[in-house]
Amino acid sequence: MQDTTTPSATDLAGVSARRAGGGPILVFDSGVGGLSVQAEIQALLPAWPIAYAADNGFFPYGTKDEGELIDRVEQVMEKLVARLDPPLIVIACNTASTVVLPRLRARWPHIPVVGTVPAIKPAAMRSRTRTIGILGTPGTVRRAYTQTLLDQFAPDCKVVRVGSAELVQLAEWRLRGGVVEARELEPILAPFVADPDCDTIVLACTHFPLLRPELIAASPRPFDWIDSGRAIAARVATLLADAGAEPAGRSGGGVAWFTEDEPSVAALGASLARFGLAQTALI
């Protein structure tokens, strides 16, 4: 099967905006995974300035307790909203989206908050064998929210779940100039390969599309790889239009914000530049 990305109808977003902030679109993740979502937004809305924020001081989210994760994201978002005044926030993290969206929407009801959830519905629709794989963080694959999506959109599908914190680290390594080899990916993909009926894999972490070429190369047989990046971008465009927000006259885009000043941030320079992020700053 071909490598494709299908929009997901299940990404979550706030539906009202009493005012549109004067700053850039804000894309937020624990690390660099959200850049895969930012790329889709840039492709659809090239005139819009975008600021990226990574909570590298609390990375990775996929291994954190739900309660501490909710509190942490709210604390970081307080600083970002005050600094950037975004018209819309994208939580470009599957793990965070499954737990923090209600808190953020209650705290900032005037700002639409778009979340990221596994693209289970399109995967179920496209699987010919009714067997799908979910490749996410350990937190995402085990959470009740993911099971709810499976019960709703894939009740007749067999599901192969793989939770990998290592793959998140490999994506971070790749964007810092590292090389990810097939031998590192093959054990992670082994459960999907071992099931002869598995024909479709949901990339249920925004880090993972950044490794799409390596995942394809490491797979001994073809899979249909699906993520929700394009659907998120489409939802962002709709919400901005509904709010009457326009890109002209806005500042604050082109900056990557981090919560911790650590040496590996400098190693991201070339990769960030490819995503239109020419500057870095500390939150």
Protein backbone atom coordinates (compact mmCIF):
# COMPACT_ATOMS: atom_id res chain seq x y z
CA MET A 1 0.00 0.00 0.00
CA GLN A 2 1.10 3.55 -0.50
CA ASP A 3 2.30 5.79 2.30
CA THR A 4 -0.59 8.19 2.87
CA THR A 5 -1.88 10.63 5.44
CA THR A 6 -5.61 10.81 5.86
CA PRO A 7 -7.41 13.60 7.70
CA SER A 8 -9.05 12.47 10.90
CA ALA A 9 -12.51 13.62 11.87
CA THR A 10 -11.79 12.91 15.52
CA ASP A 11 -9.40 15.69 16.42
CA LEU A 12 -10.91 17.83 19.13
CA ALA A 13 -11.32 21.59 19.03
CA GLY A 14 -13.04 24.38 20.86
CA VAL A 15 -15.96 25.71 18.90
CA SER A 16 -16.23 29.33 19.93
CA ALA A 17 -14.01 32.40 19.91
CA ARG A 18 -15.28 35.63 21.40
CA ARG A 19 -12.18 37.44 20.16
CA ALA A 20 -9.18 36.58 17.99
CA GLY A 21 -5.83 37.20 19.69
CA GLY A 22 -3.40 39.45 17.87
CA GLY A 23 -0.46 37.07 17.85
CA PRO A 24 0.57 33.99 15.90
CA ILE A 25 -0.96 30.54 15.84
CA LEU A 26 0.58 28.61 18.74
CA VAL A 27 1.62 24.99 18.21
CA PHE A 28 2.58 23.19 21.43
CA ASP A 29 4.17 19.84 22.26
CA SER A 30 6.52 18.31 24.80
CA GLY A 31 9.30 18.10 22.21
CA VAL A 32 9.75 18.44 18.47
CA GLY A 33 6.99 16.04 17.44
CA GLY A 34 4.50 18.84 16.91
CA LEU A 35 6.62 20.07 14.02
CA SER A 36 4.93 17.40 11.92
CA VAL A 37 1.62 19.16 12.61
CA GLN A 38 3.11 22.61 12.11
CA ALA A 39 4.26 21.55 8.65
CA GLU A 40 0.69 20.65 7.67
CA ILE A 41 -0.64 23.98 9.00
CA GLN A 42 2.06 25.89 7.11
CA ALA A 43 1.21 24.05 3.91
CA LEU A 44 -2.49 24.92 4.20
CA LEU A 45 -2.12 28.43 5.68
CA PRO A 46 1.20 29.79 4.36
CA ALA A 47 0.34 33.42 5.15
CA TRP A 48 -0.17 32.77 8.85
CA PRO A 49 2.67 33.33 11.35
CA ILE A 50 3.23 30.36 13.65
CA ALA A 51 5.06 30.13 16.96
CA TYR A 52 6.19 26.73 18.19
CA ALA A 53 6.59 25.81 21.86
CA ALA A 54 8.22 22.69 23.30
CA ASP A 55 8.10 21.77 26.97
CA ASN A 56 11.49 20.12 26.82
CA GLY A 57 11.92 20.66 30.55
CA PHE A 58 9.18 18.08 31.19
CA PHE A 59 9.84 15.83 28.19
CA PRO A 60 8.62 13.16 27.51
CA TYR A 61 4.90 13.49 28.27
CA GLY A 62 4.10 9.89 27.39
CA THR A 63 5.51 8.56 30.67
CA LYS A 64 3.96 11.15 33.01
CA ASP A 65 1.06 10.83 35.45
CA GLU A 66 -2.18 12.39 34.18
CA GLY A 67 -2.60 14.78 37.10
CA GLU A 68 0.90 16.21 36.96
CA LEU A 69 0.66 16.46 33.18
CA ILE A 70 -2.54 18.53 33.33
CA ASP A 71 -1.05 20.91 35.90
CA ARG A 72 2.20 21.26 34.00
CA VAL A 73 0.63 22.07 30.64
CA GLU A 74 -1.64 24.69 32.21
CA GLN A 75 1.34 26.34 33.92
CA VAL A 76 3.36 26.53 30.73
CA MET A 77 0.36 27.70 28.71
CA GLU A 78 -0.23 30.57 31.16
CA LYS A 79 3.15 32.01 30.19
CA LEU A 80 2.73 31.38 26.48
CA VAL A 81 -0.74 32.92 26.21
CA ALA A 82 0.39 35.98 28.14
CA ARG A 83 3.45 36.39 25.93
CA LEU A 84 2.04 35.54 22.50
CA ASP A 85 -1.72 36.32 22.61
CA PRO A 86 -2.54 33.57 20.09
CA PRO A 87 -5.85 33.46 18.20
CA LEU A 88 -5.74 29.66 18.39
CA ILE A 89 -3.77 26.97 20.20
CA VAL A 90 -2.86 23.56 18.78
CA ILE A 91 -1.93 20.89 21.31
CA ALA A 92 0.17 18.88 18.88
CA CYS A 93 0.61 15.96 21.25
CA ASN A 94 -1.61 12.90 21.39
CA THR A 95 -0.72 12.14 25.00
CA ALA A 96 -1.51 15.63 26.27
CA SER A 97 -4.65 15.94 24.17
CA THR A 98 -6.24 12.91 25.78
CA VAL A 99 -6.15 14.58 29.21
CA VAL A 100 -5.59 18.37 29.14
CA LEU A 101 -8.12 19.80 26.68
CA PRO A 102 -11.01 20.28 29.15
CA ARG A 103 -8.74 22.21 31.55
CA LEU A 104 -7.34 24.46 28.82
CA ARG A 105 -10.74 25.22 27.30
CA ALA A 106 -12.16 26.09 30.69
CA ARG A 107 -9.21 28.35 31.44
CA TRP A 108 -9.24 30.16 28.07
CA PRO A 109 -12.80 29.88 26.70
CA HIS A 110 -12.14 32.69 24.21
CA ILE A 111 -9.30 30.82 22.49
CA PRO A 112 -10.07 27.78 20.33
CA VAL A 113 -7.90 24.84 21.39
CA VAL A 114 -7.36 22.13 18.79
CA GLY A 115 -6.25 18.75 20.05
CA THR A 116 -4.63 15.72 18.50
CA VAL A 117 -6.09 12.25 18.86
CA PRO A 118 -5.30 8.96 17.11
CA ALA A 119 -6.66 8.73 13.56
CA ILE A 120 -8.57 5.56 14.37
CA LYS A 121 -11.69 6.32 12.34
CA PRO A 122 -9.93 6.68 8.95
CA ALA A 123 -7.72 3.70 9.76
CA ALA A 124 -10.75 1.50 10.39
CA MET A 125 -12.41 2.76 7.23
CA ARG A 126 -9.39 1.95 5.08
CA SER A 127 -8.23 -1.36 6.53
CA ARG A 128 -9.15 -4.15 4.14
CA THR A 129 -8.38 -6.88 6.65
CA ARG A 130 -10.16 -5.22 9.62
CA THR A 131 -6.85 -5.35 11.52
CA ILE A 132 -5.19 -2.07 12.48
CA GLY A 133 -2.09 -1.19 14.42
CA ILE A 134 -1.75 1.69 16.87
CA LEU A 135 1.77 2.99 17.36
CA GLY A 136 1.88 5.59 20.13
CA THR A 137 3.41 6.41 23.47
CA PRO A 138 2.77 4.02 26.34
CA GLY A 139 0.31 6.52 27.80
CA THR A 140 -1.70 6.99 24.62
CA VAL A 141 -2.12 3.32 23.77
CA ARG A 142 -3.37 2.39 27.26
CA ARG A 143 -5.65 5.35 28.01
CA ALA A 144 -9.40 4.93 28.22
CA TYR A 145 -9.89 7.66 25.63
CA THR A 146 -8.13 5.58 22.98
CA GLN A 147 -10.30 2.60 23.84
CA THR A 148 -13.38 4.77 23.54
CA LEU A 149 -12.34 5.75 20.01
CA LEU A 150 -11.78 2.10 19.15
CA ASP A 151 -15.18 1.12 20.54
CA GLN A 152 -16.83 3.92 18.58
CA PHE A 153 -15.04 3.77 15.24
CA ALA A 154 -13.44 0.33 15.02
CA PRO A 155 -15.65 -2.09 16.97
CA ASP A 156 -15.18 -4.84 14.41
CA CYS A 157 -11.41 -4.45 14.08
CA LYS A 158 -8.65 -6.45 15.64
CA VAL A 159 -6.13 -4.03 17.13
CA VAL A 160 -2.39 -4.44 17.59
CA ARG A 161 -1.09 -1.89 20.10
CA VAL A 162 2.51 -0.84 20.52
CA GLY A 163 3.52 1.80 23.05
CA SER A 164 7.05 3.06 22.49
CA ALA A 165 8.83 5.79 24.43
CA GLU A 166 12.02 4.86 22.58
CA LEU A 167 10.58 5.91 19.22
CA VAL A 168 9.89 9.38 20.61
CA GLN A 169 13.54 9.68 21.59
CA LEU A 170 14.65 8.47 18.17
CA ALA A 171 12.58 11.18 16.48
CA GLU A 172 14.16 13.79 18.73
CA TRP A 173 17.58 12.39 17.86
CA ARG A 174 16.88 12.50 14.15
CA LEU A 175 15.93 16.19 14.22
CA ARG A 176 19.15 16.91 16.06
CA GLY A 177 21.09 15.51 13.14
CA GLY A 178 21.26 11.88 14.21
CA VAL A 179 20.79 8.85 12.00
CA VAL A 180 18.06 6.34 12.88
CA GLU A 181 18.88 2.86 11.63
CA ALA A 182 16.50 0.09 10.64
CA ARG A 183 17.84 -2.21 13.38
CA GLU A 184 16.56 0.28 15.98
CA LEU A 185 13.07 0.31 14.49
CA GLU A 186 12.60 -3.35 13.65
CA PRO A 187 11.90 -4.51 17.26
CA ILE A 188 9.31 -1.74 17.65
CA LEU A 189 7.55 -2.75 14.43
CA ALA A 190 7.81 -6.49 15.13
CA PRO A 191 4.28 -6.93 16.63
CA PHE A 192 2.71 -5.40 13.51
CA VAL A 193 4.85 -7.47 11.18
CA ALA A 194 4.09 -10.63 13.15
CA ASP A 195 0.35 -10.28 12.53
CA PRO A 196 -0.17 -11.14 8.85
CA ASP A 197 -3.57 -9.42 8.84
CA CYS A 198 -2.30 -6.04 10.00
CA ASP A 199 -2.40 -3.72 6.99
CA THR A 200 -2.83 -0.24 8.50
CA ILE A 201 -0.85 1.54 11.23
CA VAL A 202 -1.99 4.67 13.04
CA LEU A 203 0.92 6.95 13.94
CA ALA A 204 -0.63 7.97 17.27
CA CYS A 205 2.15 10.32 18.32
CA THR A 206 3.08 13.50 16.47
CA HIS A 207 6.75 12.56 16.72
CA PHE A 208 6.28 9.50 14.59
CA PRO A 209 5.48 11.09 11.18
CA LEU A 210 8.92 12.67 11.43
CA LEU A 211 10.29 9.13 11.09
CA ARG A 212 7.94 8.03 8.33
CA PRO A 213 10.69 7.39 5.73
CA GLU A 214 12.70 5.34 8.24
CA LEU A 215 9.64 3.37 9.38
CA ILE A 216 8.75 2.51 5.79
CA ALA A 217 12.31 1.45 5.05
CA ALA A 218 12.48 -0.73 8.17
CA SER A 219 9.20 -2.54 7.41
CA PRO A 220 9.63 -5.86 5.58
CA ARG A 221 6.19 -5.47 4.04
CA PRO A 222 4.04 -2.45 3.15
CA PHE A 223 1.58 -0.83 5.53
CA ASP A 224 -0.84 2.05 5.15
CA TRP A 225 0.55 4.68 7.55
CA ILE A 226 -2.02 7.19 8.82
CA ASP A 227 -1.77 10.27 11.04
CA SER A 228 -4.06 13.21 11.76
CA GLY A 229 -1.83 16.13 10.71
CA ARG A 230 -3.86 17.23 7.69
CA ALA A 231 -7.13 17.01 9.60
CA ILE A 232 -5.71 19.23 12.33
CA ALA A 233 -4.63 21.81 9.76
CA ALA A 234 -8.09 21.79 8.19
CA ARG A 235 -9.71 22.27 11.58
CA VAL A 236 -7.38 25.19 12.33
CA ALA A 237 -8.33 26.85 9.05
CA THR A 238 -12.04 26.43 9.77
CA LEU A 239 -11.85 27.84 13.29
CA LEU A 240 -9.79 30.86 12.25
CA ALA A 241 -12.26 31.60 9.46
CA ASP A 242 -15.20 31.22 11.85
CA ALA A 243 -13.54 33.69 14.23
CA GLY A 244 -12.92 36.18 11.42
CA ALA A 245 -9.19 36.09 12.15
CA GLU A 246 -6.78 37.26 9.45
CA PRO A 247 -3.00 36.75 9.22
CA ALA A 248 -2.09 40.33 8.28
CA GLY A 249 -0.44 42.57 10.86
CA ARG A 250 0.56 39.83 13.27
CA SER A 251 3.96 39.39 14.88
CA GLY A 252 5.59 36.68 16.97
CA GLY A 253 5.86 33.96 14.34
CA GLY A 254 9.00 32.11 13.37
CA VAL A 255 10.12 31.53 16.97
CA ALA A 256 10.59 28.20 18.73
CA TRP A 257 10.06 28.50 22.49
CA PHE A 258 11.54 26.07 25.01
CA THR A 259 11.02 25.64 28.75
CA GLU A 260 14.61 24.64 29.45
CA ASP A 261 17.87 25.99 28.06
CA GLU A 262 19.80 22.80 27.44
CA PRO A 263 22.63 22.05 24.97
CA SER A 264 20.61 19.87 22.61
CA VAL A 265 18.37 22.82 21.68
CA ALA A 266 21.26 24.29 19.68
CA ALA A 267 21.53 21.04 17.74
CA LEU A 268 17.96 21.57 16.51
CA GLY A 269 18.85 24.77 14.66
CA ALA A 270 18.98 23.37 11.14
CA SER A 271 15.79 21.34 11.57
CA LEU A 272 13.88 24.24 13.10
CA ALA A 273 14.92 26.46 10.21
CA ARG A 274 13.41 23.98 7.76
CA PHE A 275 10.09 24.51 9.54
CA GLY A 276 10.36 28.29 9.32
CA LEU A 277 11.61 28.75 12.90
CA ALA A 278 14.66 30.98 12.62
CA GLN A 279 14.86 31.94 16.31
CA THR A 280 14.73 30.18 19.66
CA ALA A 281 13.68 31.66 23.00
CA LEU A 282 13.11 30.57 26.59
CA ILE A 283 9.60 30.56 28.03
